[in-house]
Full PDB file with SEQRES, HELIX, SHEET, SSBOND, CRYST1, ORIGX, SCALE, CONECT and MASTER records, all heavy atoms in Angstrom:
SEQRES   1 A   36  SER MET ASN LEU TYR GLU TRP GLY GLU TRP MET ALA ILE          
SEQRES   2 A   36  HIS CYS THR PRO ASP ASP THR LYS ASN SER GLY TYR SER          
SEQRES   3 A   36  PHE GLN THR ARG THR MET SER LYS PRO GLY                      
SHEET    1 AA1 2 MET A   2  GLU A   6  0                                        
SHEET    2 AA1 2 GLU A   9  HIS A  14 -1                                        
CRYST1    1.000    1.000    1.000  90.00  90.00  90.00 P 1           1          
ORIGX1      1.000000  0.000000  0.000000        0.00000                         
ORIGX2      0.000000  1.000000  0.000000        0.00000                         
ORIGX3      0.000000  0.000000  1.000000        0.00000                         
SCALE1      1.000000  0.000000  0.000000        0.00000                         
SCALE2      0.000000  1.000000  0.000000        0.00000                         
SCALE3      0.000000  0.000000  1.000000        0.00000                         
ATOM      1  N   SER A   1      -0.850   4.162   7.672  1.00  0.00           N  
ATOM      2  CA  SER A   1      -0.007   3.754   6.549  1.00  0.00           C  
ATOM      3  C   SER A   1       0.658   2.433   6.896  1.00  0.00           C  
ATOM      4  O   SER A   1       0.851   2.108   8.052  1.00  0.00           O  
ATOM      5  CB  SER A   1       1.063   4.815   6.275  1.00  0.00           C  
ATOM      6  OG  SER A   1       1.865   4.981   7.431  1.00  0.00           O  
ATOM      7  N   MET A   2       0.991   1.661   5.855  1.00  0.00           N  
ATOM      8  CA  MET A   2       1.578   0.346   6.090  1.00  0.00           C  
ATOM      9  C   MET A   2       2.945   0.280   5.431  1.00  0.00           C  
ATOM     10  O   MET A   2       3.126   0.730   4.301  1.00  0.00           O  
ATOM     11  CB  MET A   2       0.663  -0.744   5.534  1.00  0.00           C  
ATOM     12  CG  MET A   2      -0.724  -0.728   6.189  1.00  0.00           C  
ATOM     13  SD  MET A   2      -1.811  -2.022   5.592  1.00  0.00           S  
ATOM     14  CE  MET A   2      -1.095  -3.444   6.386  1.00  0.00           C  
ATOM     15  N   ASN A   3       3.909  -0.246   6.136  1.00  0.00           N  
ATOM     16  CA  ASN A   3       5.282  -0.304   5.653  1.00  0.00           C  
ATOM     17  C   ASN A   3       5.540  -1.631   4.943  1.00  0.00           C  
ATOM     18  O   ASN A   3       5.262  -2.695   5.502  1.00  0.00           O  
ATOM     19  CB  ASN A   3       6.256  -0.161   6.817  1.00  0.00           C  
ATOM     20  CG  ASN A   3       6.075   1.155   7.538  1.00  0.00           C  
ATOM     21  OD1 ASN A   3       5.759   2.161   6.921  1.00  0.00           O  
ATOM     22  ND2 ASN A   3       6.256   1.139   8.846  1.00  0.00           N  
ATOM     23  N   LEU A   4       6.069  -1.543   3.747  1.00  0.00           N  
ATOM     24  CA  LEU A   4       6.343  -2.724   2.943  1.00  0.00           C  
ATOM     25  C   LEU A   4       7.844  -2.987   2.902  1.00  0.00           C  
ATOM     26  O   LEU A   4       8.637  -2.107   2.590  1.00  0.00           O  
ATOM     27  CB  LEU A   4       5.823  -2.510   1.524  1.00  0.00           C  
ATOM     28  CG  LEU A   4       6.203  -3.574   0.489  1.00  0.00           C  
ATOM     29  CD1 LEU A   4       5.546  -4.898   0.838  1.00  0.00           C  
ATOM     30  CD2 LEU A   4       5.801  -3.125  -0.903  1.00  0.00           C  
ATOM     31  N   TYR A   5       8.194  -4.237   3.222  1.00  0.00           N  
ATOM     32  CA  TYR A   5       9.589  -4.649   3.159  1.00  0.00           C  
ATOM     33  C   TYR A   5       9.717  -5.821   2.200  1.00  0.00           C  
ATOM     34  O   TYR A   5       8.894  -6.735   2.211  1.00  0.00           O  
ATOM     35  CB  TYR A   5      10.094  -5.073   4.549  1.00  0.00           C  
ATOM     36  CG  TYR A   5      10.141  -3.933   5.528  1.00  0.00           C  
ATOM     37  CD1 TYR A   5       9.000  -3.551   6.218  1.00  0.00           C  
ATOM     38  CD2 TYR A   5      11.314  -3.235   5.742  1.00  0.00           C  
ATOM     39  CE1 TYR A   5       9.032  -2.493   7.114  1.00  0.00           C  
ATOM     40  CE2 TYR A   5      11.357  -2.179   6.648  1.00  0.00           C  
ATOM     41  CZ  TYR A   5      10.208  -1.809   7.322  1.00  0.00           C  
ATOM     42  OH  TYR A   5      10.251  -0.768   8.209  1.00  0.00           O  
ATOM     43  N   GLU A   6      10.726  -5.771   1.358  1.00  0.00           N  
ATOM     44  CA  GLU A   6      10.972  -6.858   0.421  1.00  0.00           C  
ATOM     45  C   GLU A   6      12.429  -7.269   0.549  1.00  0.00           C  
ATOM     46  O   GLU A   6      13.332  -6.433   0.443  1.00  0.00           O  
ATOM     47  CB  GLU A   6      10.663  -6.420  -1.008  1.00  0.00           C  
ATOM     48  CG  GLU A   6      10.700  -7.563  -2.003  1.00  0.00           C  
ATOM     49  CD  GLU A   6      10.126  -7.158  -3.353  1.00  0.00           C  
ATOM     50  OE1 GLU A   6       9.676  -6.005  -3.500  1.00  0.00           O  
ATOM     51  OE2 GLU A   6      10.136  -8.012  -4.261  1.00  0.00           O  
ATOM     52  N   TRP A   7      12.623  -8.594   0.799  1.00  0.00           N  
ATOM     53  CA  TRP A   7      13.961  -9.092   1.063  1.00  0.00           C  
ATOM     54  C   TRP A   7      14.632  -8.318   2.191  1.00  0.00           C  
ATOM     55  O   TRP A   7      15.834  -8.051   2.189  1.00  0.00           O  
ATOM     56  CB  TRP A   7      14.832  -9.033  -0.198  1.00  0.00           C  
ATOM     57  CG  TRP A   7      14.360  -9.917  -1.295  1.00  0.00           C  
ATOM     58  CD1 TRP A   7      13.790  -9.541  -2.468  1.00  0.00           C  
ATOM     59  CD2 TRP A   7      14.389 -11.343  -1.325  1.00  0.00           C  
ATOM     60  NE1 TRP A   7      13.450 -10.619  -3.220  1.00  0.00           N  
ATOM     61  CE2 TRP A   7      13.821 -11.765  -2.536  1.00  0.00           C  
ATOM     62  CE3 TRP A   7      14.836 -12.324  -0.434  1.00  0.00           C  
ATOM     63  CZ2 TRP A   7      13.682 -13.089  -2.891  1.00  0.00           C  
ATOM     64  CZ3 TRP A   7      14.691 -13.652  -0.787  1.00  0.00           C  
ATOM     65  CH2 TRP A   7      14.130 -14.018  -2.006  1.00  0.00           C  
ATOM     66  N   GLY A   8      13.836  -7.924   3.173  1.00  0.00           N  
ATOM     67  CA  GLY A   8      14.383  -7.254   4.341  1.00  0.00           C  
ATOM     68  C   GLY A   8      14.662  -5.775   4.147  1.00  0.00           C  
ATOM     69  O   GLY A   8      15.169  -5.126   5.045  1.00  0.00           O  
ATOM     70  N   GLU A   9      14.348  -5.202   2.972  1.00  0.00           N  
ATOM     71  CA  GLU A   9      14.617  -3.786   2.721  1.00  0.00           C  
ATOM     72  C   GLU A   9      13.299  -3.032   2.530  1.00  0.00           C  
ATOM     73  O   GLU A   9      12.363  -3.536   1.938  1.00  0.00           O  
ATOM     74  CB  GLU A   9      15.476  -3.620   1.465  1.00  0.00           C  
ATOM     75  CG  GLU A   9      16.866  -4.225   1.609  1.00  0.00           C  
ATOM     76  CD  GLU A   9      17.701  -3.995   0.361  1.00  0.00           C  
ATOM     77  OE1 GLU A   9      17.200  -3.306  -0.551  1.00  0.00           O  
ATOM     78  OE2 GLU A   9      18.830  -4.494   0.314  1.00  0.00           O  
ATOM     79  N   TRP A  10      13.292  -1.780   3.039  1.00  0.00           N  
ATOM     80  CA  TRP A  10      12.102  -0.942   2.901  1.00  0.00           C  
ATOM     81  C   TRP A  10      11.872  -0.588   1.437  1.00  0.00           C  
ATOM     82  O   TRP A  10      12.779  -0.192   0.730  1.00  0.00           O  
ATOM     83  CB  TRP A  10      12.296   0.337   3.727  1.00  0.00           C  
ATOM     84  CG  TRP A  10      11.178   1.310   3.587  1.00  0.00           C  
ATOM     85  CD1 TRP A  10       9.988   1.273   4.233  1.00  0.00           C  
ATOM     86  CD2 TRP A  10      11.152   2.467   2.759  1.00  0.00           C  
ATOM     87  NE1 TRP A  10       9.209   2.327   3.869  1.00  0.00           N  
ATOM     88  CE2 TRP A  10       9.901   3.088   2.942  1.00  0.00           C  
ATOM     89  CE3 TRP A  10      12.063   3.045   1.860  1.00  0.00           C  
ATOM     90  CZ2 TRP A  10       9.531   4.249   2.292  1.00  0.00           C  
ATOM     91  CZ3 TRP A  10      11.698   4.201   1.201  1.00  0.00           C  
ATOM     92  CH2 TRP A  10      10.439   4.789   1.414  1.00  0.00           C  
ATOM     93  N   MET A  11      10.619  -0.755   0.965  1.00  0.00           N  
ATOM     94  CA  MET A  11      10.312  -0.497  -0.435  1.00  0.00           C  
ATOM     95  C   MET A  11       9.320   0.648  -0.623  1.00  0.00           C  
ATOM     96  O   MET A  11       9.439   1.419  -1.555  1.00  0.00           O  
ATOM     97  CB  MET A  11       9.726  -1.749  -1.086  1.00  0.00           C  
ATOM     98  CG  MET A  11      10.713  -2.913  -1.146  1.00  0.00           C  
ATOM     99  SD  MET A  11      12.123  -2.568  -2.220  1.00  0.00           S  
ATOM    100  CE  MET A  11      11.314  -2.495  -3.811  1.00  0.00           C  
ATOM    101  N   ALA A  12       8.310   0.752   0.257  1.00  0.00           N  
ATOM    102  CA  ALA A  12       7.286   1.776   0.037  1.00  0.00           C  
ATOM    103  C   ALA A  12       6.440   1.932   1.284  1.00  0.00           C  
ATOM    104  O   ALA A  12       6.432   1.079   2.162  1.00  0.00           O  
ATOM    105  CB  ALA A  12       6.389   1.391  -1.141  1.00  0.00           C  
ATOM    106  N   ILE A  13       5.764   3.073   1.350  1.00  0.00           N  
ATOM    107  CA  ILE A  13       4.721   3.252   2.353  1.00  0.00           C  
ATOM    108  C   ILE A  13       3.394   3.264   1.613  1.00  0.00           C  
ATOM    109  O   ILE A  13       3.228   4.005   0.646  1.00  0.00           O  
ATOM    110  CB  ILE A  13       4.904   4.568   3.128  1.00  0.00           C  
ATOM    111  CG1 ILE A  13       6.192   4.508   3.955  1.00  0.00           C  
ATOM    112  CG2 ILE A  13       3.708   4.819   4.041  1.00  0.00           C  
ATOM    113  CD1 ILE A  13       6.460   5.761   4.746  1.00  0.00           C  
ATOM    114  N   HIS A  14       2.486   2.472   2.021  1.00  0.00           N  
ATOM    115  CA  HIS A  14       1.192   2.391   1.365  1.00  0.00           C  
ATOM    116  C   HIS A  14       0.177   2.200   2.447  1.00  0.00           C  
ATOM    117  O   HIS A  14       0.503   1.667   3.525  1.00  0.00           O  
ATOM    118  CB  HIS A  14       1.198   1.234   0.360  1.00  0.00           C  
ATOM    119  CG  HIS A  14       1.322  -0.104   1.021  1.00  0.00           C  
ATOM    120  ND1 HIS A  14       0.279  -0.963   1.220  1.00  0.00           N  
ATOM    121  CD2 HIS A  14       2.390  -0.722   1.596  1.00  0.00           C  
ATOM    122  CE1 HIS A  14       0.693  -2.048   1.842  1.00  0.00           C  
ATOM    123  NE2 HIS A  14       1.972  -1.930   2.076  1.00  0.00           N  
ATOM    124  N   CYS A  15      -0.964   2.524   2.460  1.00  0.00           N  
ATOM    125  CA  CYS A  15      -1.790   3.022   1.409  1.00  0.00           C  
ATOM    126  C   CYS A  15      -2.806   3.924   2.071  1.00  0.00           C  
ATOM    127  O   CYS A  15      -2.787   4.070   3.284  1.00  0.00           O  
ATOM    128  CB  CYS A  15      -2.464   1.871   0.686  1.00  0.00           C  
ATOM    129  SG  CYS A  15      -3.404   0.855   1.842  1.00  0.00           S  
ATOM    130  N   THR A  16      -3.684   4.520   1.380  1.00  0.00           N  
ATOM    131  CA  THR A  16      -4.748   5.311   1.989  1.00  0.00           C  
ATOM    132  C   THR A  16      -5.969   4.434   2.182  1.00  0.00           C  
ATOM    133  O   THR A  16      -6.255   3.571   1.349  1.00  0.00           O  
ATOM    134  CB  THR A  16      -5.122   6.487   1.069  1.00  0.00           C  
ATOM    135  OG1 THR A  16      -5.485   5.971  -0.210  1.00  0.00           O  
ATOM    136  CG2 THR A  16      -3.966   7.444   0.932  1.00  0.00           C  
ATOM    137  N   PRO A  17      -6.710   4.622   3.265  1.00  0.00           N  
ATOM    138  CA  PRO A  17      -7.921   3.819   3.465  1.00  0.00           C  
ATOM    139  C   PRO A  17      -8.913   4.036   2.337  1.00  0.00           C  
ATOM    140  O   PRO A  17      -9.019   5.121   1.777  1.00  0.00           O  
ATOM    141  CB  PRO A  17      -8.474   4.345   4.789  1.00  0.00           C  
ATOM    142  CG  PRO A  17      -7.314   4.960   5.478  1.00  0.00           C  
ATOM    143  CD  PRO A  17      -6.455   5.523   4.393  1.00  0.00           C  
ATOM    144  N   ASP A  18      -9.627   2.985   1.993  1.00  0.00           N  
ATOM    145  CA  ASP A  18     -10.645   3.070   0.957  1.00  0.00           C  
ATOM    146  C   ASP A  18     -12.007   3.046   1.639  1.00  0.00           C  
ATOM    147  O   ASP A  18     -12.466   2.011   2.102  1.00  0.00           O  
ATOM    148  CB  ASP A  18     -10.498   1.878  -0.003  1.00  0.00           C  
ATOM    149  CG  ASP A  18     -11.547   1.887  -1.099  1.00  0.00           C  
ATOM    150  OD1 ASP A  18     -12.343   2.852  -1.130  1.00  0.00           O  
ATOM    151  OD2 ASP A  18     -11.570   0.951  -1.896  1.00  0.00           O  
ATOM    152  N   ASP A  19     -12.663   4.188   1.705  1.00  0.00           N  
ATOM    153  CA  ASP A  19     -13.930   4.291   2.420  1.00  0.00           C  
ATOM    154  C   ASP A  19     -15.085   3.607   1.701  1.00  0.00           C  
ATOM    155  O   ASP A  19     -16.182   3.512   2.250  1.00  0.00           O  
ATOM    156  CB  ASP A  19     -14.288   5.765   2.655  1.00  0.00           C  
ATOM    157  CG  ASP A  19     -13.296   6.438   3.595  1.00  0.00           C  
ATOM    158  OD1 ASP A  19     -12.730   5.722   4.439  1.00  0.00           O  
ATOM    159  OD2 ASP A  19     -13.093   7.654   3.471  1.00  0.00           O  
ATOM    160  N   THR A  20     -14.853   3.147   0.480  1.00  0.00           N  
ATOM    161  CA  THR A  20     -15.930   2.448  -0.235  1.00  0.00           C  
ATOM    162  C   THR A  20     -16.013   0.993   0.179  1.00  0.00           C  
ATOM    163  O   THR A  20     -16.925   0.280  -0.237  1.00  0.00           O  
ATOM    164  CB  THR A  20     -15.706   2.511  -1.760  1.00  0.00           C  
ATOM    165  OG1 THR A  20     -14.528   1.755  -2.092  1.00  0.00           O  
ATOM    166  CG2 THR A  20     -15.542   3.947  -2.224  1.00  0.00           C  
ATOM    167  N   LYS A  21     -15.067   0.533   0.975  1.00  0.00           N  
ATOM    168  CA  LYS A  21     -15.035  -0.874   1.383  1.00  0.00           C  
ATOM    169  C   LYS A  21     -15.412  -1.001   2.856  1.00  0.00           C  
ATOM    170  O   LYS A  21     -15.028  -0.181   3.676  1.00  0.00           O  
ATOM    171  CB  LYS A  21     -13.635  -1.468   1.177  1.00  0.00           C  
ATOM    172  CG  LYS A  21     -13.165  -1.429  -0.272  1.00  0.00           C  
ATOM    173  CD  LYS A  21     -13.996  -2.353  -1.134  1.00  0.00           C  
ATOM    174  CE  LYS A  21     -13.531  -2.304  -2.576  1.00  0.00           C  
ATOM    175  NZ  LYS A  21     -14.393  -3.121  -3.449  1.00  0.00           N  
ATOM    176  N   ASN A  22     -16.181  -2.056   3.169  1.00  0.00           N  
ATOM    177  CA  ASN A  22     -16.487  -2.341   4.568  1.00  0.00           C  
ATOM    178  C   ASN A  22     -15.290  -2.954   5.266  1.00  0.00           C  
ATOM    179  O   ASN A  22     -15.123  -2.831   6.471  1.00  0.00           O  
ATOM    180  CB  ASN A  22     -17.674  -3.302   4.664  1.00  0.00           C  
ATOM    181  CG  ASN A  22     -18.953  -2.662   4.171  1.00  0.00           C  
ATOM    182  OD1 ASN A  22     -19.152  -1.480   4.375  1.00  0.00           O  
ATOM    183  ND2 ASN A  22     -19.788  -3.431   3.512  1.00  0.00           N  
ATOM    184  N   SER A  23     -14.482  -3.647   4.490  1.00  0.00           N  
ATOM    185  CA  SER A  23     -13.279  -4.250   5.044  1.00  0.00           C  
ATOM    186  C   SER A  23     -12.271  -4.391   3.913  1.00  0.00           C  
ATOM    187  O   SER A  23     -12.566  -4.138   2.764  1.00  0.00           O  
ATOM    188  CB  SER A  23     -13.587  -5.612   5.668  1.00  0.00           C  
ATOM    189  OG  SER A  23     -14.008  -6.510   4.670  1.00  0.00           O  
ATOM    190  N   GLY A  24     -11.084  -4.807   4.260  1.00  0.00           N  
ATOM    191  CA  GLY A  24     -10.058  -4.977   3.235  1.00  0.00           C  
ATOM    192  C   GLY A  24      -9.070  -3.833   3.288  1.00  0.00           C  
ATOM    193  O   GLY A  24      -9.305  -2.807   3.909  1.00  0.00           O  
ATOM    194  N   TYR A  25      -7.965  -4.017   2.592  1.00  0.00           N  
ATOM    195  CA  TYR A  25      -6.959  -2.979   2.601  1.00  0.00           C  
ATOM    196  C   TYR A  25      -6.141  -3.066   1.319  1.00  0.00           C  
ATOM    197  O   TYR A  25      -6.035  -4.109   0.690  1.00  0.00           O  
ATOM    198  CB  TYR A  25      -6.047  -3.079   3.824  1.00  0.00           C  
ATOM    199  CG  TYR A  25      -5.625  -4.478   4.191  1.00  0.00           C  
ATOM    200  CD1 TYR A  25      -4.405  -4.978   3.772  1.00  0.00           C  
ATOM    201  CD2 TYR A  25      -6.463  -5.287   4.944  1.00  0.00           C  
ATOM    202  CE1 TYR A  25      -4.017  -6.253   4.110  1.00  0.00           C  
ATOM    203  CE2 TYR A  25      -6.078  -6.569   5.289  1.00  0.00           C  
ATOM    204  CZ  TYR A  25      -4.857  -7.052   4.869  1.00  0.00           C  
ATOM    205  OH  TYR A  25      -4.484  -8.322   5.201  1.00  0.00           O  
ATOM    206  N   SER A  26      -5.592  -1.921   0.917  1.00  0.00           N  
ATOM    207  CA  SER A  26      -4.886  -1.826  -0.348  1.00  0.00           C  
ATOM    208  C   SER A  26      -3.430  -2.242  -0.217  1.00  0.00           C  
ATOM    209  O   SER A  26      -2.848  -2.191   0.857  1.00  0.00           O  
ATOM    210  CB  SER A  26      -4.929  -0.391  -0.872  1.00  0.00           C  
ATOM    211  OG  SER A  26      -6.246   0.097  -0.870  1.00  0.00           O  
ATOM    212  N   PHE A  27      -2.857  -2.599  -1.343  1.00  0.00           N  
ATOM    213  CA  PHE A  27      -1.445  -2.947  -1.399  1.00  0.00           C  
ATOM    214  C   PHE A  27      -0.827  -2.159  -2.551  1.00  0.00           C  
ATOM    215  O   PHE A  27      -1.221  -2.329  -3.699  1.00  0.00           O  
ATOM    216  CB  PHE A  27      -1.306  -4.455  -1.625  1.00  0.00           C  
ATOM    217  CG  PHE A  27       0.101  -4.905  -1.908  1.00  0.00           C  
ATOM    218  CD1 PHE A  27       1.164  -4.361  -1.231  1.00  0.00           C  
ATOM    219  CD2 PHE A  27       0.339  -5.893  -2.846  1.00  0.00           C  
ATOM    220  CE1 PHE A  27       2.456  -4.786  -1.483  1.00  0.00           C  
ATOM    221  CE2 PHE A  27       1.628  -6.326  -3.108  1.00  0.00           C  
ATOM    222  CZ  PHE A  27       2.682  -5.769  -2.433  1.00  0.00           C  
ATOM    223  N   GLN A  28       0.087  -1.252  -2.255  1.00  0.00           N  
ATOM    224  CA  GLN A  28       0.701  -0.437  -3.288  1.00  0.00           C  
ATOM    225  C   GLN A  28       2.213  -0.613  -3.276  1.00  0.00           C  
ATOM    226  O   GLN A  28       2.815  -0.796  -2.230  1.00  0.00           O  
ATOM    227  CB  GLN A  28       0.383   1.045  -3.065  1.00  0.00           C  
ATOM    228  CG  GLN A  28      -1.102   1.354  -3.063  1.00  0.00           C  
ATOM    229  CD  GLN A  28      -1.343   2.788  -2.659  1.00  0.00           C  
ATOM    230  OE1 GLN A  28      -0.515   3.653  -2.921  1.00  0.00           O  
ATOM    231  NE2 GLN A  28      -2.464   3.042  -2.022  1.00  0.00           N  
ATOM    232  N   THR A  29       2.805  -0.543  -4.444  1.00  0.00           N  
ATOM    233  CA  THR A  29       4.258  -0.527  -4.544  1.00  0.00           C  
ATOM    234  C   THR A  29       4.652   0.623  -5.461  1.00  0.00           C  
ATOM    235  O   THR A  29       3.793   1.301  -6.029  1.00  0.00           O  
ATOM    236  CB  THR A  29       4.800  -1.842  -5.142  1.00  0.00           C  
ATOM    237  OG1 THR A  29       4.459  -1.886  -6.534  1.00  0.00           O  
ATOM    238  CG2 THR A  29       4.220  -3.038  -4.431  1.00  0.00           C  
ATOM    239  N   ARG A  30       5.939   0.830  -5.632  1.00  0.00           N  
ATOM    240  CA  ARG A  30       6.397   1.942  -6.463  1.00  0.00           C  
ATOM    241  C   ARG A  30       6.023   1.752  -7.920  1.00  0.00           C  
ATOM    242  O   ARG A  30       6.074   2.690  -8.706  1.00  0.00           O  
ATOM    243  CB  ARG A  30       7.910   2.084  -6.329  1.00  0.00           C  
ATOM    244  CG  ARG A  30       8.346   2.531  -4.935  1.00  0.00           C  
ATOM    245  CD  ARG A  30       9.832   2.709  -4.839  1.00  0.00           C  
ATOM    246  NE  ARG A  30      10.554   1.459  -5.070  1.00  0.00           N  
ATOM    247  CZ  ARG A  30      11.871   1.334  -4.991  1.00  0.00           C  
ATOM    248  NH1 ARG A  30      12.607   2.392  -4.714  1.00  0.00           N  
ATOM    249  NH2 ARG A  30      12.447   0.172  -5.185  1.00  0.00           N  
ATOM    250  N   THR A  31       5.632   0.531  -8.317  1.00  0.00           N  
ATOM    251  CA  THR A  31       5.284   0.292  -9.721  1.00  0.00           C  
ATOM    252  C   THR A  31       3.844   0.698 -10.029  1.00  0.00           C  
ATOM    253  O   THR A  31       3.435   0.653 -11.174  1.00  0.00           O  
ATOM    254  CB  THR A  31       5.437  -1.197 -10.065  1.00  0.00           C  
ATOM    255  OG1 THR A  31       4.565  -1.969  -9.221  1.00  0.00           O  
ATOM    256  CG2 THR A  31       6.866  -1.653  -9.815  1.00  0.00           C  
ATOM    257  N   MET A  32       3.084   1.109  -9.001  1.00  0.00           N  
ATOM    258  CA  MET A  32       1.693   1.465  -9.238  1.00  0.00           C  
ATOM    259  C   MET A  32       1.604   2.764 -10.029  1.00  0.00           C  
ATOM    260  O   MET A  32       2.289   3.734  -9.748  1.00  0.00           O  
ATOM    261  CB  MET A  32       0.968   1.636  -7.903  1.00  0.00           C  
ATOM    262  CG  MET A  32       0.866   0.361  -7.097  1.00  0.00           C  
ATOM    263  SD  MET A  32       0.001  -0.944  -7.975  1.00  0.00           S  
ATOM    264  CE  MET A  32      -1.571  -0.157  -8.222  1.00  0.00           C  
ATOM    265  N   SER A  33       0.722   2.761 -11.032  1.00  0.00           N  
ATOM    266  CA  SER A  33       0.550   3.975 -11.828  1.00  0.00           C  
ATOM    267  C   SER A  33      -0.347   4.982 -11.120  1.00  0.00           C  
ATOM    268  O   SER A  33      -0.208   6.183 -11.309  1.00  0.00           O  
ATOM    269  CB  SER A  33      -0.066   3.622 -13.198  1.00  0.00           C  
ATOM    270  OG  SER A  33      -1.313   2.960 -13.032  1.00  0.00           O  
ATOM    271  N   LYS A  34      -1.298   4.470 -10.327  1.00  0.00           N  
ATOM    272  CA  LYS A  34      -2.207   5.360  -9.611  1.00  0.00           C  
ATOM    273  C   LYS A  34      -2.268   4.948  -8.137  1.00  0.00           C  
ATOM    274  O   LYS A  34      -3.090   4.120  -7.756  1.00  0.00           O  
ATOM    275  CB  LYS A  34      -3.615   5.309 -10.213  1.00  0.00           C  
ATOM    276  CG  LYS A  34      -3.714   5.877 -11.611  1.00  0.00           C  
ATOM    277  CD  LYS A  34      -5.156   5.828 -12.090  1.00  0.00           C  
ATOM    278  CE  LYS A  34      -5.302   6.430 -13.477  1.00  0.00           C  
ATOM    279  NZ  LYS A  34      -6.709   6.378 -13.926  1.00  0.00           N  
ATOM    280  N   PRO A  35      -1.398   5.513  -7.340  1.00  0.00           N  
ATOM    281  CA  PRO A  35      -1.468   5.167  -5.914  1.00  0.00           C  
ATOM    282  C   PRO A  35      -2.756   5.714  -5.306  1.00  0.00           C  
ATOM    283  O   PRO A  35      -3.304   6.692  -5.784  1.00  0.00           O  
ATOM    284  CB  PRO A  35      -0.242   5.867  -5.324  1.00  0.00           C  
ATOM    285  CG  PRO A  35       0.000   7.013  -6.253  1.00  0.00           C  
ATOM    286  CD  PRO A  35      -0.375   6.518  -7.620  1.00  0.00           C  
ATOM    287  N   GLY A  36      -3.228   5.052  -4.287  1.00  0.00           N  
ATOM    288  CA  GLY A  36      -4.425   5.581  -3.640  1.00  0.00           C  
ATOM    289  C   GLY A  36      -5.347   4.489  -3.170  1.00  0.00           C  
ATOM    290  O   GLY A  36      -4.970   3.648  -2.368  1.00  0.00           O  
TER     291      GLY A  36                                                      
MASTER        0    0    0    0    2    0    0    6  290    1    0    3          
END                                                                             
């Protein structure tokens, strides 16, 4: 999981690995309608 900080404050923990990708990583925030 990756920890997101905005303006020095913790905002969210994201994300789950996407096994359909050879590389890359997701970026999620609390505004996401479908986390994952």
